């Protein structure tokens, strides 16, 4: 397995922490992890937005009183 060339922050003389090396090696050995991360991203973040539904929700919203103890 070929090590990928990773550029780290300049001024650190090429220092790579033990944890970063572990994660890089883990990701190299388990490509399914990145696929799972992408899948999770699409589940929770990338949704099609129905603008008419958003507008309906805004119209149906009841404003909260500024002081709830009246």
PDB file of N, CA and C in Angstrom:
ATOM      1  N   UNK A   1       0.847  -1.166   0.000  1.00  0.00           N
ATOM      2  CA  UNK A   1       0.000   0.000   0.000  1.00  0.00           C
ATOM      3  C   UNK A   1       0.898   1.236   0.000  1.00  0.00           C
ATOM      4  N   UNK A   2       0.642   2.152  -0.920  1.00  0.00           N
ATOM      5  CA  UNK A   2       1.437   3.367  -1.065  1.00  0.00           C
ATOM      6  C   UNK A   2       0.945   4.431  -0.102  1.00  0.00           C
ATOM      7  N   UNK A   3       1.869   5.068   0.613  1.00  0.00           N
ATOM      8  CA  UNK A   3       1.490   6.142   1.532  1.00  0.00           C
ATOM      9  C   UNK A   3       1.147   7.375   0.724  1.00  0.00           C
ATOM     10  N   UNK A   4       0.060   8.026   1.071  1.00  0.00           N
ATOM     11  CA  UNK A   4      -0.319   9.237   0.358  1.00  0.00           C
ATOM     12  C   UNK A   4       0.514  10.419   0.857  1.00  0.00           C
ATOM     13  N   UNK A   5       0.757  11.339  -0.048  1.00  0.00           N
ATOM     14  CA  UNK A   5       1.534  12.530   0.288  1.00  0.00           C
ATOM     15  C   UNK A   5       0.589  13.553   0.911  1.00  0.00           C
ATOM     16  N   UNK A   6       0.773  13.815   2.203  1.00  0.00           N
ATOM     17  CA  UNK A   6      -0.097  14.736   2.924  1.00  0.00           C
ATOM     18  C   UNK A   6       0.700  15.976   3.269  1.00  0.00           C
ATOM     19  N   UNK A   7       0.143  17.127   2.967  1.00  0.00           N
ATOM     20  CA  UNK A   7       0.798  18.374   3.317  1.00  0.00           C
ATOM     21  C   UNK A   7       0.245  18.858   4.645  1.00  0.00           C
ATOM     22  N   UNK A   8       1.138  19.079   5.577  1.00  0.00           N
ATOM     23  CA  UNK A   8       0.743  19.582   6.875  1.00  0.00           C
ATOM     24  C   UNK A   8       1.117  21.046   6.987  1.00  0.00           C
ATOM     25  N   UNK A   9       0.702  21.683   8.047  1.00  0.00           N
ATOM     26  CA  UNK A   9       0.945  23.116   8.226  1.00  0.00           C
ATOM     27  C   UNK A   9       2.429  23.448   8.137  1.00  0.00           C
ATOM     28  N   UNK A  10       2.746  24.503   7.402  1.00  0.00           N
ATOM     29  CA  UNK A  10       4.154  24.900   7.324  1.00  0.00           C
ATOM     30  C   UNK A  10       4.636  25.409   8.673  1.00  0.00           C
ATOM     31  N   UNK A  11       5.927  25.267   8.913  1.00  0.00           N
ATOM     32  CA  UNK A  11       6.502  25.731  10.164  1.00  0.00           C
ATOM     33  C   UNK A  11       6.545  24.657  11.233  1.00  0.00           C
ATOM     34  N   UNK A  12       6.074  23.479  10.929  1.00  0.00           N
ATOM     35  CA  UNK A  12       6.077  22.404  11.908  1.00  0.00           C
ATOM     36  C   UNK A  12       7.096  21.328  11.555  1.00  0.00           C
ATOM     37  N   UNK A  13       7.957  21.622  10.618  1.00  0.00           N
ATOM     38  CA  UNK A  13       9.061  20.729  10.224  1.00  0.00           C
ATOM     39  C   UNK A  13       8.588  19.316   9.903  1.00  0.00           C
ATOM     40  N   UNK A  14       7.395  19.186   9.339  1.00  0.00           N
ATOM     41  CA  UNK A  14       6.893  17.884   8.933  1.00  0.00           C
ATOM     42  C   UNK A  14       6.412  17.007  10.068  1.00  0.00           C
ATOM     43  N   UNK A  15       6.233  17.564  11.274  1.00  0.00           N
ATOM     44  CA  UNK A  15       5.780  16.775  12.416  1.00  0.00           C
ATOM     45  C   UNK A  15       4.370  16.257  12.172  1.00  0.00           C
ATOM     46  N   UNK A  16       4.179  14.992  12.431  1.00  0.00           N
ATOM     47  CA  UNK A  16       2.867  14.362  12.331  1.00  0.00           C
ATOM     48  C   UNK A  16       2.635  13.618  13.637  1.00  0.00           C
ATOM     49  N   UNK A  17       1.548  13.958  14.312  1.00  0.00           N
ATOM     50  CA  UNK A  17       1.287  13.336  15.614  1.00  0.00           C
ATOM     51  C   UNK A  17       0.989  11.848  15.453  1.00  0.00           C
ATOM     52  N   UNK A  18       1.138  11.145  16.543  1.00  0.00           N
ATOM     53  CA  UNK A  18       0.880   9.712  16.554  1.00  0.00           C
ATOM     54  C   UNK A  18      -0.583   9.427  16.214  1.00  0.00           C
ATOM     55  N   UNK A  19      -1.465  10.266  16.729  1.00  0.00           N
ATOM     56  CA  UNK A  19      -2.892  10.076  16.458  1.00  0.00           C
ATOM     57  C   UNK A  19      -3.198  10.294  14.981  1.00  0.00           C
ATOM     58  N   UNK A  20      -2.618  11.339  14.380  1.00  0.00           N
ATOM     59  CA  UNK A  20      -2.843  11.616  12.957  1.00  0.00           C
ATOM     60  C   UNK A  20      -2.335  10.466  12.108  1.00  0.00           C
ATOM     61  N   UNK A  21      -1.172   9.926  12.450  1.00  0.00           N
ATOM     62  CA  UNK A  21      -0.652   8.771  11.710  1.00  0.00           C
ATOM     63  C   UNK A  21      -1.589   7.578  11.848  1.00  0.00           C
ATOM     64  N   UNK A  22      -2.123   7.365  13.060  1.00  0.00           N
ATOM     65  CA  UNK A  22      -3.056   6.258  13.283  1.00  0.00           C
ATOM     66  C   UNK A  22      -4.303   6.413  12.415  1.00  0.00           C
ATOM     67  N   UNK A  23      -4.887   7.617  12.424  1.00  0.00           N
ATOM     68  CA  UNK A  23      -6.103   7.846  11.642  1.00  0.00           C
ATOM     69  C   UNK A  23      -5.825   7.699  10.147  1.00  0.00           C
ATOM     70  N   UNK A  24      -4.705   8.252   9.679  1.00  0.00           N
ATOM     71  CA  UNK A  24      -4.357   8.119   8.262  1.00  0.00           C
ATOM     72  C   UNK A  24      -4.202   6.654   7.866  1.00  0.00           C
ATOM     73  N   UNK A  25      -3.533   5.873   8.699  1.00  0.00           N
ATOM     74  CA  UNK A  25      -3.366   4.452   8.413  1.00  0.00           C
ATOM     75  C   UNK A  25      -4.704   3.719   8.464  1.00  0.00           C
ATOM     76  N   UNK A  26      -5.536   4.078   9.413  1.00  0.00           N
ATOM     77  CA  UNK A  26      -6.846   3.431   9.529  1.00  0.00           C
ATOM     78  C   UNK A  26      -7.696   3.700   8.297  1.00  0.00           C
ATOM     79  N   UNK A  27      -7.731   4.963   7.852  1.00  0.00           N
ATOM     80  CA  UNK A  27      -8.519   5.325   6.666  1.00  0.00           C
ATOM     81  C   UNK A  27      -7.971   4.629   5.425  1.00  0.00           C
ATOM     82  N   UNK A  28      -6.632   4.531   5.322  1.00  0.00           N
ATOM     83  CA  UNK A  28      -6.044   3.818   4.185  1.00  0.00           C
ATOM     84  C   UNK A  28      -6.456   2.353   4.181  1.00  0.00           C
ATOM     85  N   UNK A  29      -6.537   1.744   5.339  1.00  0.00           N
ATOM     86  CA  UNK A  29      -6.873   0.329   5.438  1.00  0.00           C
ATOM     87  C   UNK A  29      -8.360   0.032   5.423  1.00  0.00           C
ATOM     88  N   UNK A  30      -9.198   1.054   5.649  1.00  0.00           N
ATOM     89  CA  UNK A  30     -10.647   0.855   5.716  1.00  0.00           C
ATOM     90  C   UNK A  30     -11.368   1.915   4.869  1.00  0.00           C
ATOM     91  N   UNK A  31     -11.352   1.769   3.547  1.00  0.00           N
ATOM     92  CA  UNK A  31     -11.999   2.779   2.695  1.00  0.00           C
ATOM     93  C   UNK A  31     -13.515   2.838   2.884  1.00  0.00           C
ATOM     94  N   UNK A  32     -14.108   1.795   3.433  1.00  0.00           N
ATOM     95  CA  UNK A  32     -15.554   1.794   3.640  1.00  0.00           C
ATOM     96  C   UNK A  32     -15.975   2.832   4.679  1.00  0.00           C
ATOM     97  N   UNK A  33     -15.045   3.262   5.524  1.00  0.00           N
ATOM     98  CA  UNK A  33     -15.358   4.265   6.540  1.00  0.00           C
ATOM     99  C   UNK A  33     -15.725   5.586   5.871  1.00  0.00           C
ATOM    100  N   UNK A  34     -14.968   5.982   4.857  1.00  0.00           N
ATOM    101  CA  UNK A  34     -15.278   7.227   4.161  1.00  0.00           C
ATOM    102  C   UNK A  34     -16.602   7.120   3.414  1.00  0.00           C
ATOM    103  N   UNK A  35     -16.885   5.967   2.847  1.00  0.00           N
ATOM    104  CA  UNK A  35     -18.177   5.774   2.175  1.00  0.00           C
ATOM    105  C   UNK A  35     -19.317   5.896   3.179  1.00  0.00           C
ATOM    106  N   UNK A  36     -19.133   5.339   4.356  1.00  0.00           N
ATOM    107  CA  UNK A  36     -20.150   5.432   5.400  1.00  0.00           C
ATOM    108  C   UNK A  36     -20.330   6.877   5.863  1.00  0.00           C
ATOM    109  N   UNK A  37     -19.238   7.618   5.968  1.00  0.00           N
ATOM    110  CA  UNK A  37     -19.329   9.022   6.359  1.00  0.00           C
ATOM    111  C   UNK A  37     -20.104   9.818   5.319  1.00  0.00           C
ATOM    112  N   UNK A  38     -19.808   9.582   4.040  1.00  0.00           N
ATOM    113  CA  UNK A  38     -20.539  10.289   2.975  1.00  0.00           C
ATOM    114  C   UNK A  38     -22.028   9.940   3.016  1.00  0.00           C
ATOM    115  N   UNK A  39     -22.325   8.665   3.242  1.00  0.00           N
ATOM    116  CA  UNK A  39     -23.718   8.232   3.313  1.00  0.00           C
ATOM    117  C   UNK A  39     -24.429   8.936   4.471  1.00  0.00           C
ATOM    118  N   UNK A  40     -23.780   9.000   5.620  1.00  0.00           N
ATOM    119  CA  UNK A  40     -24.365   9.684   6.766  1.00  0.00           C
ATOM    120  C   UNK A  40     -24.565  11.166   6.501  1.00  0.00           C
ATOM    121  N   UNK A  41     -23.624  11.775   5.795  1.00  0.00           N
ATOM    122  CA  UNK A  41     -23.758  13.193   5.449  1.00  0.00           C
ATOM    123  C   UNK A  41     -25.018  13.407   4.610  1.00  0.00           C
ATOM    124  N   UNK A  42     -25.235  12.551   3.630  1.00  0.00           N
ATOM    125  CA  UNK A  42     -26.401  12.715   2.766  1.00  0.00           C
ATOM    126  C   UNK A  42     -27.698  12.475   3.525  1.00  0.00           C
ATOM    127  N   UNK A  43     -27.677  11.575   4.490  1.00  0.00           N
ATOM    128  CA  UNK A  43     -28.889  11.315   5.271  1.00  0.00           C
ATOM    129  C   UNK A  43     -29.278  12.540   6.093  1.00  0.00           C
ATOM    130  N   UNK A  44     -28.300  13.145   6.759  1.00  0.00           N
ATOM    131  CA  UNK A  44     -28.622  14.193   7.722  1.00  0.00           C
ATOM    132  C   UNK A  44     -28.542  15.610   7.180  1.00  0.00           C
ATOM    133  N   UNK A  45     -27.798  15.851   6.110  1.00  0.00           N
ATOM    134  CA  UNK A  45     -27.582  17.231   5.695  1.00  0.00           C
ATOM    135  C   UNK A  45     -28.080  17.555   4.297  1.00  0.00           C
ATOM    136  N   UNK A  46     -27.911  16.691   3.348  1.00  0.00           N
ATOM    137  CA  UNK A  46     -28.253  17.010   1.967  1.00  0.00           C
ATOM    138  C   UNK A  46     -29.669  16.547   1.644  1.00  0.00           C
ATOM    139  N   UNK A  47     -30.625  17.416   1.939  1.00  0.00           N
ATOM    140  CA  UNK A  47     -32.026  17.112   1.654  1.00  0.00           C
ATOM    141  C   UNK A  47     -32.543  18.048   0.572  1.00  0.00           C
ATOM    142  N   UNK A  48     -33.502  17.561  -0.180  1.00  0.00           N
ATOM    143  CA  UNK A  48     -34.200  18.441  -1.109  1.00  0.00           C
ATOM    144  C   UNK A  48     -35.157  19.306  -0.297  1.00  0.00           C
ATOM    145  N   UNK A  49     -35.159  20.589  -0.573  1.00  0.00           N
ATOM    146  CA  UNK A  49     -35.973  21.518   0.201  1.00  0.00           C
ATOM    147  C   UNK A  49     -37.213  21.875  -0.594  1.00  0.00           C
ATOM    148  N   UNK A  50     -38.362  21.712   0.032  1.00  0.00           N
ATOM    149  CA  UNK A  50     -39.629  22.103  -0.573  1.00  0.00           C
ATOM    150  C   UNK A  50     -39.933  23.524  -0.101  1.00  0.00           C
ATOM    151  N   UNK A  51     -39.709  24.503  -0.969  1.00  0.00           N
ATOM    152  CA  UNK A  51     -39.860  25.906  -0.579  1.00  0.00           C
ATOM    153  C   UNK A  51     -41.306  26.261  -0.245  1.00  0.00           C
ATOM    154  N   UNK A  52     -42.246  25.646  -0.913  1.00  0.00           N
ATOM    155  CA  UNK A  52     -43.652  25.927  -0.601  1.00  0.00           C
ATOM    156  C   UNK A  52     -44.001  25.420   0.807  1.00  0.00           C
ATOM    157  N   UNK A  53     -43.435  24.302   1.202  1.00  0.00           N
ATOM    158  CA  UNK A  53     -43.669  23.774   2.552  1.00  0.00           C
ATOM    159  C   UNK A  53     -43.042  24.697   3.594  1.00  0.00           C
ATOM    160  N   UNK A  54     -41.863  25.221   3.327  1.00  0.00           N
ATOM    161  CA  UNK A  54     -41.242  26.166   4.257  1.00  0.00           C
ATOM    162  C   UNK A  54     -42.086  27.423   4.408  1.00  0.00           C
ATOM    163  N   UNK A  55     -42.624  27.910   3.304  1.00  0.00           N
ATOM    164  CA  UNK A  55     -43.469  29.108   3.352  1.00  0.00           C
ATOM    165  C   UNK A  55     -44.744  28.831   4.154  1.00  0.00           C
ATOM    166  N   UNK A  56     -45.339  27.656   3.971  1.00  0.00           N
ATOM    167  CA  UNK A  56     -46.537  27.293   4.729  1.00  0.00           C
ATOM    168  C   UNK A  56     -46.224  27.224   6.216  1.00  0.00           C
ATOM    169  N   UNK A  57     -45.076  26.668   6.573  1.00  0.00           N
ATOM    170  CA  UNK A  57     -44.696  26.582   7.985  1.00  0.00           C
ATOM    171  C   UNK A  57     -44.507  27.970   8.588  1.00  0.00           C
ATOM    172  N   UNK A  58     -43.940  28.889   7.820  1.00  0.00           N
ATOM    173  CA  UNK A  58     -43.764  30.263   8.318  1.00  0.00           C
ATOM    174  C   UNK A  58     -45.115  30.929   8.565  1.00  0.00           C
ATOM    175  N   UNK A  59     -46.070  30.712   7.654  1.00  0.00           N
ATOM    176  CA  UNK A  59     -47.400  31.308   7.817  1.00  0.00           C
ATOM    177  C   UNK A  59     -48.140  30.710   9.013  1.00  0.00           C
ATOM    178  N   UNK A  60     -47.962  29.414   9.252  1.00  0.00           N
ATOM    179  CA  UNK A  60     -48.681  28.732  10.327  1.00  0.00           C
ATOM    180  C   UNK A  60     -48.027  28.907  11.693  1.00  0.00           C
ATOM    181  N   UNK A  61     -46.878  29.524  11.748  1.00  0.00           N
ATOM    182  CA  UNK A  61     -46.155  29.695  12.992  1.00  0.00           C
ATOM    183  C   UNK A  61     -46.873  30.706  13.892  1.00  0.00           C
ATOM    184  N   UNK A  62     -47.023  30.375  15.168  1.00  0.00           N
ATOM    185  CA  UNK A  62     -47.632  31.279  16.140  1.00  0.00           C
ATOM    186  C   UNK A  62     -46.498  31.960  16.899  1.00  0.00           C
ATOM    187  N   UNK A  63     -46.435  33.286  16.874  1.00  0.00           N
ATOM    188  CA  UNK A  63     -45.335  33.955  17.567  1.00  0.00           C
ATOM    189  C   UNK A  63     -45.418  33.763  19.079  1.00  0.00           C
ATOM    190  N   UNK A  64     -44.257  33.580  19.694  1.00  0.00           N
ATOM    191  CA  UNK A  64     -44.194  33.404  21.140  1.00  0.00           C
ATOM    192  C   UNK A  64     -44.293  34.767  21.825  1.00  0.00           C
ATOM    193  N   UNK A  65     -44.939  34.795  22.999  1.00  0.00           N
ATOM    194  CA  UNK A  65     -45.027  36.041  23.748  1.00  0.00           C
ATOM    195  C   UNK A  65     -43.641  36.396  24.275  1.00  0.00           C
ATOM    196  N   UNK A  66     -43.299  37.689  24.309  1.00  0.00           N
ATOM    197  CA  UNK A  66     -41.968  38.065  24.781  1.00  0.00           C
ATOM    198  C   UNK A  66     -41.772  37.770  26.277  1.00  0.00           C
ATOM    199  N   UNK A  67     -42.837  37.773  27.038  1.00  0.00           N
ATOM    200  CA  UNK A  67     -42.750  37.473  28.462  1.00  0.00           C
ATOM    201  C   UNK A  67     -43.806  36.437  28.770  1.00  0.00           C
ATOM    202  N   UNK A  68     -43.389  35.226  29.124  1.00  0.00           N
ATOM    203  CA  UNK A  68     -44.344  34.135  29.219  1.00  0.00           C
ATOM    204  C   UNK A  68     -45.098  34.071  30.534  1.00  0.00           C
ATOM    205  N   UNK A  69     -44.837  34.956  31.513  1.00  0.00           N
ATOM    206  CA  UNK A  69     -45.485  34.878  32.824  1.00  0.00           C
ATOM    207  C   UNK A  69     -46.636  35.866  32.963  1.00  0.00           C
ATOM    208  N   UNK A  70     -47.177  36.377  31.877  1.00  0.00           N
ATOM    209  CA  UNK A  70     -48.318  37.294  31.951  1.00  0.00           C
ATOM    210  C   UNK A  70     -49.598  36.541  32.181  1.00  0.00           C
TER     211      UNK A  70
END
